[in-house]
């Protein structure tokens, strides 16, 4: 491994760069201003590049210093988080939950405090879908996934949440396009596709109503549901979405139902975990709580 600089020097530099002041950094770290200055100077000598420009009492980051600060800030945050996790290990049980950003923001997170109050020793880590591969090595991981399976090797329980999908758009777009009387009126219209699942939601919808799926080639694709919602609000196109997750936009009028037809998807939100974890205490507690909240 490449020889690393002093962690203390990196910490002192990070504080000075964040405050753009050696004095403020010294106050934060409870050391002298001279100690900050010496540590930063030693780091610059080791890296063989100036990190600050100095003009009397004022300092500014050089381009190299700015780039270095951005990188080491993330690294220090990860070190702090990992250290906190280790310290908590003796008194808390960790449970990783892989969940999409949209479901987490709109449904899970607003309810999570009730679980933590009931089970304060179970520490919930929320991970985005992009962290799934990384977390496979973690011994206790639960996934909340939208789909219909099968998922070999996993125990899967459907959450009793709304399965109705609806076609939504901005009021301005609907006014510009005129009223839609049926799914066939979507032909030739701009479509926004949610591709956070294995299969685009529009695909099933078009097949259900016997519409030409070739129309979907022009659809703009969004992996994150909340990005899709904002695109729809801005008038970019028509979106097919789980209605219960977009209640705030529908209630506020930022989005409207473009079609009145009800469409029940055979896909749903499931809680999944490896079958080897079926008898894991914290997994059972979290699953029981999820089902109760969903009902």
C-alpha atoms as a PDB file:
ATOM      1  CA  UNK A   1       0.000   0.000   0.000  1.00  0.00           C
ATOM      2  CA  UNK A   2       1.167   3.522  -0.801  1.00  0.00           C
ATOM      3  CA  UNK A   3       2.532   5.201   2.330  1.00  0.00           C
ATOM      4  CA  UNK A   4      -0.204   7.303   3.912  1.00  0.00           C
ATOM      5  CA  UNK A   5       0.244  10.811   5.340  1.00  0.00           C
ATOM      6  CA  UNK A   6      -0.301  11.479   9.028  1.00  0.00           C
ATOM      7  CA  UNK A   7      -3.997  11.163   9.887  1.00  0.00           C
ATOM      8  CA  UNK A   8      -3.638  14.073  12.317  1.00  0.00           C
ATOM      9  CA  UNK A   9      -2.189  16.244   9.547  1.00  0.00           C
ATOM     10  CA  UNK A  10      -5.105  15.312   7.293  1.00  0.00           C
ATOM     11  CA  UNK A  11      -7.611  16.131  10.076  1.00  0.00           C
ATOM     12  CA  UNK A  12      -5.971  19.493  10.732  1.00  0.00           C
ATOM     13  CA  UNK A  13      -5.949  20.309   7.019  1.00  0.00           C
ATOM     14  CA  UNK A  14      -9.619  19.304   6.632  1.00  0.00           C
ATOM     15  CA  UNK A  15     -10.695  21.603   9.471  1.00  0.00           C
ATOM     16  CA  UNK A  16      -8.618  24.500   8.129  1.00  0.00           C
ATOM     17  CA  UNK A  17      -9.973  23.983   4.608  1.00  0.00           C
ATOM     18  CA  UNK A  18     -13.569  23.793   5.842  1.00  0.00           C
ATOM     19  CA  UNK A  19     -13.262  27.012   7.862  1.00  0.00           C
ATOM     20  CA  UNK A  20     -10.694  28.681   5.578  1.00  0.00           C
ATOM     21  CA  UNK A  21      -9.080  29.736   8.824  1.00  0.00           C
ATOM     22  CA  UNK A  22      -6.250  28.277  10.900  1.00  0.00           C
ATOM     23  CA  UNK A  23      -7.654  30.059  13.943  1.00  0.00           C
ATOM     24  CA  UNK A  24     -11.133  28.546  13.625  1.00  0.00           C
ATOM     25  CA  UNK A  25      -9.636  25.113  12.982  1.00  0.00           C
ATOM     26  CA  UNK A  26      -7.511  25.432  16.116  1.00  0.00           C
ATOM     27  CA  UNK A  27     -10.573  26.317  18.200  1.00  0.00           C
ATOM     28  CA  UNK A  28     -12.500  23.335  16.835  1.00  0.00           C
ATOM     29  CA  UNK A  29      -9.665  20.867  17.473  1.00  0.00           C
ATOM     30  CA  UNK A  30      -8.563  22.420  20.801  1.00  0.00           C
ATOM     31  CA  UNK A  31      -4.981  23.020  19.665  1.00  0.00           C
ATOM     32  CA  UNK A  32      -2.941  26.127  18.918  1.00  0.00           C
ATOM     33  CA  UNK A  33      -3.017  27.992  15.641  1.00  0.00           C
ATOM     34  CA  UNK A  34       0.682  27.249  15.297  1.00  0.00           C
ATOM     35  CA  UNK A  35       0.014  23.514  15.543  1.00  0.00           C
ATOM     36  CA  UNK A  36      -2.482  23.748  12.686  1.00  0.00           C
ATOM     37  CA  UNK A  37      -0.042  25.748  10.577  1.00  0.00           C
ATOM     38  CA  UNK A  38       2.839  23.313  11.210  1.00  0.00           C
ATOM     39  CA  UNK A  39       0.725  20.244  10.448  1.00  0.00           C
ATOM     40  CA  UNK A  40      -0.573  21.736   7.204  1.00  0.00           C
ATOM     41  CA  UNK A  41       2.949  22.724   6.196  1.00  0.00           C
ATOM     42  CA  UNK A  42       4.244  19.205   6.874  1.00  0.00           C
ATOM     43  CA  UNK A  43       1.389  17.760   4.800  1.00  0.00           C
ATOM     44  CA  UNK A  44       2.206  20.109   1.910  1.00  0.00           C
ATOM     45  CA  UNK A  45       5.860  19.042   2.105  1.00  0.00           C
ATOM     46  CA  UNK A  46       4.904  15.371   2.078  1.00  0.00           C
ATOM     47  CA  UNK A  47       2.507  15.789  -0.855  1.00  0.00           C
ATOM     48  CA  UNK A  48       4.959  18.139  -2.589  1.00  0.00           C
ATOM     49  CA  UNK A  49       2.193  20.562  -3.546  1.00  0.00           C
ATOM     50  CA  UNK A  50       0.827  23.759  -1.923  1.00  0.00           C
ATOM     51  CA  UNK A  51      -2.686  23.278  -0.523  1.00  0.00           C
ATOM     52  CA  UNK A  52      -3.294  26.898   0.524  1.00  0.00           C
ATOM     53  CA  UNK A  53      -2.347  30.306  -0.727  1.00  0.00           C
ATOM     54  CA  UNK A  54      -1.534  32.631   2.163  1.00  0.00           C
ATOM     55  CA  UNK A  55      -2.078  36.383   2.176  1.00  0.00           C
ATOM     56  CA  UNK A  56      -1.393  37.751   5.621  1.00  0.00           C
ATOM     57  CA  UNK A  57      -4.128  36.477   7.941  1.00  0.00           C
ATOM     58  CA  UNK A  58      -6.204  35.152   5.035  1.00  0.00           C
ATOM     59  CA  UNK A  59      -5.892  31.748   3.381  1.00  0.00           C
ATOM     60  CA  UNK A  60      -7.509  30.211   0.314  1.00  0.00           C
ATOM     61  CA  UNK A  61      -7.417  26.745  -1.135  1.00  0.00           C
ATOM     62  CA  UNK A  62      -5.350  26.116  -4.228  1.00  0.00           C
ATOM     63  CA  UNK A  63      -6.985  23.989  -6.968  1.00  0.00           C
ATOM     64  CA  UNK A  64      -5.027  21.011  -5.656  1.00  0.00           C
ATOM     65  CA  UNK A  65      -6.109  21.818  -2.103  1.00  0.00           C
ATOM     66  CA  UNK A  66      -9.755  22.050  -3.149  1.00  0.00           C
ATOM     67  CA  UNK A  67      -9.634  18.673  -4.902  1.00  0.00           C
ATOM     68  CA  UNK A  68      -7.785  17.070  -1.983  1.00  0.00           C
ATOM     69  CA  UNK A  69     -10.269  18.494   0.540  1.00  0.00           C
ATOM     70  CA  UNK A  70     -13.252  17.067  -1.343  1.00  0.00           C
ATOM     71  CA  UNK A  71     -11.725  13.591  -1.383  1.00  0.00           C
ATOM     72  CA  UNK A  72     -10.423  13.423   2.189  1.00  0.00           C
ATOM     73  CA  UNK A  73     -13.666  14.864   3.632  1.00  0.00           C
ATOM     74  CA  UNK A  74     -15.569  11.835   2.351  1.00  0.00           C
ATOM     75  CA  UNK A  75     -12.837   9.513   3.605  1.00  0.00           C
ATOM     76  CA  UNK A  76     -12.848  11.025   7.105  1.00  0.00           C
ATOM     77  CA  UNK A  77     -16.637  10.788   7.256  1.00  0.00           C
ATOM     78  CA  UNK A  78     -16.430   7.095   6.386  1.00  0.00           C
ATOM     79  CA  UNK A  79     -13.757   6.517   9.019  1.00  0.00           C
ATOM     80  CA  UNK A  80     -15.932   8.293  11.601  1.00  0.00           C
ATOM     81  CA  UNK A  81     -19.013   6.280  10.612  1.00  0.00           C
ATOM     82  CA  UNK A  82     -17.087   2.995  10.708  1.00  0.00           C
ATOM     83  CA  UNK A  83     -15.630   3.847  14.108  1.00  0.00           C
ATOM     84  CA  UNK A  84     -19.074   4.718  15.457  1.00  0.00           C
ATOM     85  CA  UNK A  85     -20.428   1.427  14.150  1.00  0.00           C
ATOM     86  CA  UNK A  86     -17.665  -0.533  15.904  1.00  0.00           C
ATOM     87  CA  UNK A  87     -18.266   1.334  19.168  1.00  0.00           C
ATOM     88  CA  UNK A  88     -21.965   0.593  18.957  1.00  0.00           C
ATOM     89  CA  UNK A  89     -21.351  -3.070  18.242  1.00  0.00           C
ATOM     90  CA  UNK A  90     -21.134  -4.029  21.895  1.00  0.00           C
ATOM     91  CA  UNK A  91     -24.548  -2.633  22.756  1.00  0.00           C
ATOM     92  CA  UNK A  92     -26.464  -2.515  19.467  1.00  0.00           C
ATOM     93  CA  UNK A  93     -27.416  -4.946  16.736  1.00  0.00           C
ATOM     94  CA  UNK A  94     -27.010  -3.659  13.184  1.00  0.00           C
ATOM     95  CA  UNK A  95     -29.561  -4.387  10.478  1.00  0.00           C
ATOM     96  CA  UNK A  96     -28.898  -3.264   6.916  1.00  0.00           C
ATOM     97  CA  UNK A  97     -31.996  -2.439   4.891  1.00  0.00           C
ATOM     98  CA  UNK A  98     -31.622  -2.071   1.131  1.00  0.00           C
ATOM     99  CA  UNK A  99     -34.444   0.094  -0.186  1.00  0.00           C
ATOM    100  CA  UNK A 100     -35.111   2.468  -3.083  1.00  0.00           C
ATOM    101  CA  UNK A 101     -34.808   6.182  -2.356  1.00  0.00           C
ATOM    102  CA  UNK A 102     -38.438   6.849  -3.309  1.00  0.00           C
ATOM    103  CA  UNK A 103     -39.930   4.194  -1.030  1.00  0.00           C
ATOM    104  CA  UNK A 104     -37.581   5.156   1.789  1.00  0.00           C
ATOM    105  CA  UNK A 105     -38.374   8.879   1.588  1.00  0.00           C
ATOM    106  CA  UNK A 106     -42.121   8.569   1.054  1.00  0.00           C
ATOM    107  CA  UNK A 107     -43.039   5.587   3.211  1.00  0.00           C
ATOM    108  CA  UNK A 108     -40.318   3.988   5.322  1.00  0.00           C
ATOM    109  CA  UNK A 109     -38.365   6.857   6.885  1.00  0.00           C
ATOM    110  CA  UNK A 110     -41.416   8.782   8.200  1.00  0.00           C
ATOM    111  CA  UNK A 111     -42.431   5.632  10.121  1.00  0.00           C
ATOM    112  CA  UNK A 112     -39.005   4.390  11.203  1.00  0.00           C
ATOM    113  CA  UNK A 113     -38.876   6.268  14.492  1.00  0.00           C
ATOM    114  CA  UNK A 114     -41.648   4.050  15.875  1.00  0.00           C
ATOM    115  CA  UNK A 115     -39.508   0.974  15.240  1.00  0.00           C
ATOM    116  CA  UNK A 116     -36.464   2.566  16.854  1.00  0.00           C
ATOM    117  CA  UNK A 117     -38.519   3.557  19.931  1.00  0.00           C
ATOM    118  CA  UNK A 118     -39.730  -0.019  20.328  1.00  0.00           C
ATOM    119  CA  UNK A 119     -36.330  -1.568  19.604  1.00  0.00           C
ATOM    120  CA  UNK A 120     -33.631   0.970  20.527  1.00  0.00           C
ATOM    121  CA  UNK A 121     -30.827  -1.604  20.456  1.00  0.00           C
ATOM    122  CA  UNK A 122     -31.421  -2.509  16.805  1.00  0.00           C
ATOM    123  CA  UNK A 123     -29.516  -0.008  14.694  1.00  0.00           C
ATOM    124  CA  UNK A 124     -31.032   0.363  11.201  1.00  0.00           C
ATOM    125  CA  UNK A 125     -28.693   1.228   8.318  1.00  0.00           C
ATOM    126  CA  UNK A 126     -30.586   2.322   5.200  1.00  0.00           C
ATOM    127  CA  UNK A 127     -28.755   1.545   1.970  1.00  0.00           C
ATOM    128  CA  UNK A 128     -29.764   2.521  -1.559  1.00  0.00           C
ATOM    129  CA  UNK A 129     -30.266  -0.121  -4.226  1.00  0.00           C
ATOM    130  CA  UNK A 130     -26.868   0.759  -5.660  1.00  0.00           C
ATOM    131  CA  UNK A 131     -25.283  -0.600  -2.451  1.00  0.00           C
ATOM    132  CA  UNK A 132     -26.807  -4.052  -2.899  1.00  0.00           C
ATOM    133  CA  UNK A 133     -23.744  -5.809  -4.260  1.00  0.00           C
ATOM    134  CA  UNK A 134     -21.516  -4.164  -1.666  1.00  0.00           C
ATOM    135  CA  UNK A 135     -23.717  -5.284   1.220  1.00  0.00           C
ATOM    136  CA  UNK A 136     -23.958  -8.959   0.250  1.00  0.00           C
ATOM    137  CA  UNK A 137     -21.053  -9.656   2.589  1.00  0.00           C
ATOM    138  CA  UNK A 138     -22.946  -8.165   5.551  1.00  0.00           C
ATOM    139  CA  UNK A 139     -24.303 -10.960   7.681  1.00  0.00           C
ATOM    140  CA  UNK A 140     -27.722  -9.365   8.301  1.00  0.00           C
ATOM    141  CA  UNK A 141     -29.327  -7.588   5.370  1.00  0.00           C
ATOM    142  CA  UNK A 142     -33.019  -7.139   4.525  1.00  0.00           C
ATOM    143  CA  UNK A 143     -34.225  -5.842   1.167  1.00  0.00           C
ATOM    144  CA  UNK A 144     -37.474  -4.052   0.349  1.00  0.00           C
ATOM    145  CA  UNK A 145     -38.024  -4.582  -3.362  1.00  0.00           C
ATOM    146  CA  UNK A 146     -40.685  -3.761  -5.905  1.00  0.00           C
ATOM    147  CA  UNK A 147     -41.403  -6.675  -8.229  1.00  0.00           C
ATOM    148  CA  UNK A 148     -43.011 -10.103  -8.306  1.00  0.00           C
ATOM    149  CA  UNK A 149     -40.137 -12.552  -8.025  1.00  0.00           C
ATOM    150  CA  UNK A 150     -39.165 -15.255  -7.921  1.00  0.00           C
ATOM    151  CA  UNK A 151     -36.066 -14.609  -5.838  1.00  0.00           C
ATOM    152  CA  UNK A 152     -34.234 -17.947  -5.415  1.00  0.00           C
ATOM    153  CA  UNK A 153     -32.601 -18.390  -2.033  1.00  0.00           C
ATOM    154  CA  UNK A 154     -34.658 -15.636  -0.422  1.00  0.00           C
ATOM    155  CA  UNK A 155     -37.711 -15.649   1.814  1.00  0.00           C
ATOM    156  CA  UNK A 156     -40.167 -13.134   0.352  1.00  0.00           C
ATOM    157  CA  UNK A 157     -43.268 -11.637   1.990  1.00  0.00           C
ATOM    158  CA  UNK A 158     -45.568  -9.249   0.151  1.00  0.00           C
ATOM    159  CA  UNK A 159     -46.297  -5.990   1.959  1.00  0.00           C
ATOM    160  CA  UNK A 160     -50.039  -5.183   1.881  1.00  0.00           C
ATOM    161  CA  UNK A 161     -49.637  -1.779   0.286  1.00  0.00           C
ATOM    162  CA  UNK A 162     -51.564  -0.173  -2.575  1.00  0.00           C
ATOM    163  CA  UNK A 163     -50.917  -1.979  -5.847  1.00  0.00           C
ATOM    164  CA  UNK A 164     -52.812   0.526  -8.036  1.00  0.00           C
ATOM    165  CA  UNK A 165     -50.751   2.282 -10.676  1.00  0.00           C
ATOM    166  CA  UNK A 166     -51.903   5.502 -12.270  1.00  0.00           C
ATOM    167  CA  UNK A 167     -50.956   7.639 -15.246  1.00  0.00           C
ATOM    168  CA  UNK A 168     -50.038  11.084 -13.938  1.00  0.00           C
ATOM    169  CA  UNK A 169     -48.770  14.327 -15.412  1.00  0.00           C
ATOM    170  CA  UNK A 170     -48.606  18.045 -14.712  1.00  0.00           C
ATOM    171  CA  UNK A 171     -51.845  20.051 -15.073  1.00  0.00           C
ATOM    172  CA  UNK A 172     -50.145  22.168 -17.753  1.00  0.00           C
ATOM    173  CA  UNK A 173     -49.247  19.144 -19.874  1.00  0.00           C
ATOM    174  CA  UNK A 174     -52.754  17.729 -19.636  1.00  0.00           C
ATOM    175  CA  UNK A 175     -54.223  21.082 -20.677  1.00  0.00           C
ATOM    176  CA  UNK A 176     -51.827  21.280 -23.635  1.00  0.00           C
ATOM    177  CA  UNK A 177     -52.546  17.725 -24.823  1.00  0.00           C
ATOM    178  CA  UNK A 178     -56.270  17.843 -24.161  1.00  0.00           C
ATOM    179  CA  UNK A 179     -58.248  15.256 -22.153  1.00  0.00           C
ATOM    180  CA  UNK A 180     -57.259  11.592 -22.487  1.00  0.00           C
ATOM    181  CA  UNK A 181     -60.233   9.241 -22.723  1.00  0.00           C
ATOM    182  CA  UNK A 182     -58.427   5.904 -22.659  1.00  0.00           C
ATOM    183  CA  UNK A 183     -54.995   4.253 -22.659  1.00  0.00           C
ATOM    184  CA  UNK A 184     -54.908   4.363 -26.472  1.00  0.00           C
ATOM    185  CA  UNK A 185     -54.716   8.170 -26.259  1.00  0.00           C
ATOM    186  CA  UNK A 186     -51.187   7.786 -24.852  1.00  0.00           C
ATOM    187  CA  UNK A 187     -49.897   6.761 -28.292  1.00  0.00           C
ATOM    188  CA  UNK A 188     -47.590   9.487 -29.555  1.00  0.00           C
ATOM    189  CA  UNK A 189     -47.473  11.269 -26.199  1.00  0.00           C
ATOM    190  CA  UNK A 190     -44.207  11.865 -24.286  1.00  0.00           C
ATOM    191  CA  UNK A 191     -43.753   9.071 -21.738  1.00  0.00           C
ATOM    192  CA  UNK A 192     -41.558   8.900 -18.634  1.00  0.00           C
ATOM    193  CA  UNK A 193     -40.479   5.401 -17.634  1.00  0.00           C
ATOM    194  CA  UNK A 194     -39.634   4.259 -14.104  1.00  0.00           C
ATOM    195  CA  UNK A 195     -36.940   1.617 -14.518  1.00  0.00           C
ATOM    196  CA  UNK A 196     -36.042   1.116 -10.858  1.00  0.00           C
ATOM    197  CA  UNK A 197     -37.442  -2.420 -11.041  1.00  0.00           C
ATOM    198  CA  UNK A 198     -36.353  -5.263 -13.285  1.00  0.00           C
ATOM    199  CA  UNK A 199     -38.953  -4.331 -15.912  1.00  0.00           C
ATOM    200  CA  UNK A 200     -40.336  -0.978 -17.076  1.00  0.00           C
ATOM    201  CA  UNK A 201     -43.856  -0.435 -15.676  1.00  0.00           C
ATOM    202  CA  UNK A 202     -45.133   0.789 -19.044  1.00  0.00           C
ATOM    203  CA  UNK A 203     -44.330  -2.571 -20.646  1.00  0.00           C
ATOM    204  CA  UNK A 204     -46.969  -4.427 -18.638  1.00  0.00           C
ATOM    205  CA  UNK A 205     -49.452  -1.570 -19.036  1.00  0.00           C
ATOM    206  CA  UNK A 206     -49.147  -1.453 -22.823  1.00  0.00           C
ATOM    207  CA  UNK A 207     -49.417  -5.229 -23.073  1.00  0.00           C
ATOM    208  CA  UNK A 208     -52.496  -5.222 -20.828  1.00  0.00           C
ATOM    209  CA  UNK A 209     -54.294  -2.745 -23.095  1.00  0.00           C
ATOM    210  CA  UNK A 210     -52.877  -4.294 -26.301  1.00  0.00           C
ATOM    211  CA  UNK A 211     -51.005  -1.144 -27.276  1.00  0.00           C
ATOM    212  CA  UNK A 212     -47.881  -1.241 -29.500  1.00  0.00           C
ATOM    213  CA  UNK A 213     -44.862  -1.528 -27.192  1.00  0.00           C
ATOM    214  CA  UNK A 214     -42.677  -0.026 -29.926  1.00  0.00           C
ATOM    215  CA  UNK A 215     -43.926   3.337 -28.590  1.00  0.00           C
ATOM    216  CA  UNK A 216     -41.868   2.770 -25.443  1.00  0.00           C
ATOM    217  CA  UNK A 217     -38.540   3.106 -27.262  1.00  0.00           C
ATOM    218  CA  UNK A 218     -38.863   6.885 -27.107  1.00  0.00           C
ATOM    219  CA  UNK A 219     -39.724   7.035 -23.385  1.00  0.00           C
ATOM    220  CA  UNK A 220     -37.327   8.931 -21.143  1.00  0.00           C
ATOM    221  CA  UNK A 221     -36.037   6.591 -18.439  1.00  0.00           C
ATOM    222  CA  UNK A 222     -35.573   7.286 -14.739  1.00  0.00           C
ATOM    223  CA  UNK A 223     -34.073   4.896 -12.209  1.00  0.00           C
ATOM    224  CA  UNK A 224     -35.197   6.939  -9.197  1.00  0.00           C
ATOM    225  CA  UNK A 225     -38.911   7.423  -8.547  1.00  0.00           C
ATOM    226  CA  UNK A 226     -38.490  10.896  -7.028  1.00  0.00           C
ATOM    227  CA  UNK A 227     -36.575  12.078 -10.101  1.00  0.00           C
ATOM    228  CA  UNK A 228     -39.381  10.702 -12.248  1.00  0.00           C
ATOM    229  CA  UNK A 229     -41.941  12.573 -10.136  1.00  0.00           C
ATOM    230  CA  UNK A 230     -40.077  15.869 -10.543  1.00  0.00           C
ATOM    231  CA  UNK A 231     -39.801  15.288 -14.290  1.00  0.00           C
ATOM    232  CA  UNK A 232     -43.562  14.745 -14.453  1.00  0.00           C
ATOM    233  CA  UNK A 233     -44.228  17.845 -12.337  1.00  0.00           C
ATOM    234  CA  UNK A 234     -42.079  19.908 -14.702  1.00  0.00           C
ATOM    235  CA  UNK A 235     -44.220  18.789 -17.651  1.00  0.00           C
ATOM    236  CA  UNK A 236     -41.739  16.487 -19.383  1.00  0.00           C
ATOM    237  CA  UNK A 237     -44.287  13.737 -19.938  1.00  0.00           C
ATOM    238  CA  UNK A 238     -46.770  11.185 -18.633  1.00  0.00           C
ATOM    239  CA  UNK A 239     -45.626   8.790 -15.895  1.00  0.00           C
ATOM    240  CA  UNK A 240     -47.013   5.467 -14.688  1.00  0.00           C
ATOM    241  CA  UNK A 241     -46.419   5.212 -10.950  1.00  0.00           C
ATOM    242  CA  UNK A 242     -47.567   3.528  -7.704  1.00  0.00           C
ATOM    243  CA  UNK A 243     -50.119   6.135  -6.613  1.00  0.00           C
ATOM    244  CA  UNK A 244     -49.616   5.764  -2.852  1.00  0.00           C
ATOM    245  CA  UNK A 245     -46.023   6.970  -3.179  1.00  0.00           C
ATOM    246  CA  UNK A 246     -46.986  10.169  -5.000  1.00  0.00           C
ATOM    247  CA  UNK A 247     -49.824  11.265  -2.734  1.00  0.00           C
ATOM    248  CA  UNK A 248     -48.093  14.575  -1.791  1.00  0.00           C
ATOM    249  CA  UNK A 249     -47.910  15.692  -5.442  1.00  0.00           C
ATOM    250  CA  UNK A 250     -51.466  14.547  -6.192  1.00  0.00           C
ATOM    251  CA  UNK A 251     -52.935  16.192  -3.099  1.00  0.00           C
ATOM    252  CA  UNK A 252     -51.126  19.464  -3.764  1.00  0.00           C
ATOM    253  CA  UNK A 253     -52.190  19.494  -7.412  1.00  0.00           C
ATOM    254  CA  UNK A 254     -48.625  19.469  -8.735  1.00  0.00           C
ATOM    255  CA  UNK A 255     -49.625  16.224 -10.472  1.00  0.00           C
ATOM    256  CA  UNK A 256     -53.019  15.065 -11.706  1.00  0.00           C
ATOM    257  CA  UNK A 257     -54.463  11.754 -12.871  1.00  0.00           C
ATOM    258  CA  UNK A 258     -54.352  11.821 -16.665  1.00  0.00           C
ATOM    259  CA  UNK A 259     -56.623   8.777 -16.998  1.00  0.00           C
ATOM    260  CA  UNK A 260     -59.420   7.574 -14.760  1.00  0.00           C
ATOM    261  CA  UNK A 261     -58.997   3.864 -15.559  1.00  0.00           C
ATOM    262  CA  UNK A 262     -57.832   1.767 -12.616  1.00  0.00           C
ATOM    263  CA  UNK A 263     -54.840  -0.471 -13.275  1.00  0.00           C
ATOM    264  CA  UNK A 264     -53.798  -3.025 -10.668  1.00  0.00           C
ATOM    265  CA  UNK A 265     -50.249  -4.272 -11.112  1.00  0.00           C
ATOM    266  CA  UNK A 266     -49.243  -7.837 -10.309  1.00  0.00           C
ATOM    267  CA  UNK A 267     -46.058  -6.374  -8.890  1.00  0.00           C
ATOM    268  CA  UNK A 268     -45.819  -5.203  -5.302  1.00  0.00           C
ATOM    269  CA  UNK A 269     -43.379  -4.272  -2.549  1.00  0.00           C
ATOM    270  CA  UNK A 270     -41.830  -7.281  -0.835  1.00  0.00           C
ATOM    271  CA  UNK A 271     -39.560  -7.696   2.153  1.00  0.00           C
ATOM    272  CA  UNK A 272     -36.765 -10.145   1.293  1.00  0.00           C
ATOM    273  CA  UNK A 273     -33.911 -11.742   3.187  1.00  0.00           C
ATOM    274  CA  UNK A 274     -31.749 -14.845   2.742  1.00  0.00           C
ATOM    275  CA  UNK A 275     -33.526 -17.976   3.953  1.00  0.00           C
ATOM    276  CA  UNK A 276     -30.669 -18.551   6.368  1.00  0.00           C
ATOM    277  CA  UNK A 277     -31.889 -15.487   8.294  1.00  0.00           C
ATOM    278  CA  UNK A 278     -35.498 -16.648   8.765  1.00  0.00           C
ATOM    279  CA  UNK A 279     -34.951 -17.225  12.488  1.00  0.00           C
ATOM    280  CA  UNK A 280     -32.757 -14.160  13.089  1.00  0.00           C
ATOM    281  CA  UNK A 281     -34.376 -12.218  15.938  1.00  0.00           C
ATOM    282  CA  UNK A 282     -33.915  -8.694  14.568  1.00  0.00           C
ATOM    283  CA  UNK A 283     -35.038  -9.745  11.090  1.00  0.00           C
ATOM    284  CA  UNK A 284     -38.254 -11.235  12.498  1.00  0.00           C
ATOM    285  CA  UNK A 285     -38.934  -8.089  14.538  1.00  0.00           C
ATOM    286  CA  UNK A 286     -38.365  -5.789  11.574  1.00  0.00           C
ATOM    287  CA  UNK A 287     -40.536  -7.892   9.261  1.00  0.00           C
ATOM    288  CA  UNK A 288     -43.359  -7.982  11.833  1.00  0.00           C
ATOM    289  CA  UNK A 289     -43.170  -4.203  12.216  1.00  0.00           C
ATOM    290  CA  UNK A 290     -43.175  -3.657   8.427  1.00  0.00           C
ATOM    291  CA  UNK A 291     -46.292  -5.788   7.987  1.00  0.00           C
ATOM    292  CA  UNK A 292     -48.090  -3.989  10.799  1.00  0.00           C
ATOM    293  CA  UNK A 293     -47.232  -0.587   9.298  1.00  0.00           C
ATOM    294  CA  UNK A 294     -48.313  -1.675   5.826  1.00  0.00           C
ATOM    295  CA  UNK A 295     -51.683  -2.872   7.104  1.00  0.00           C
END
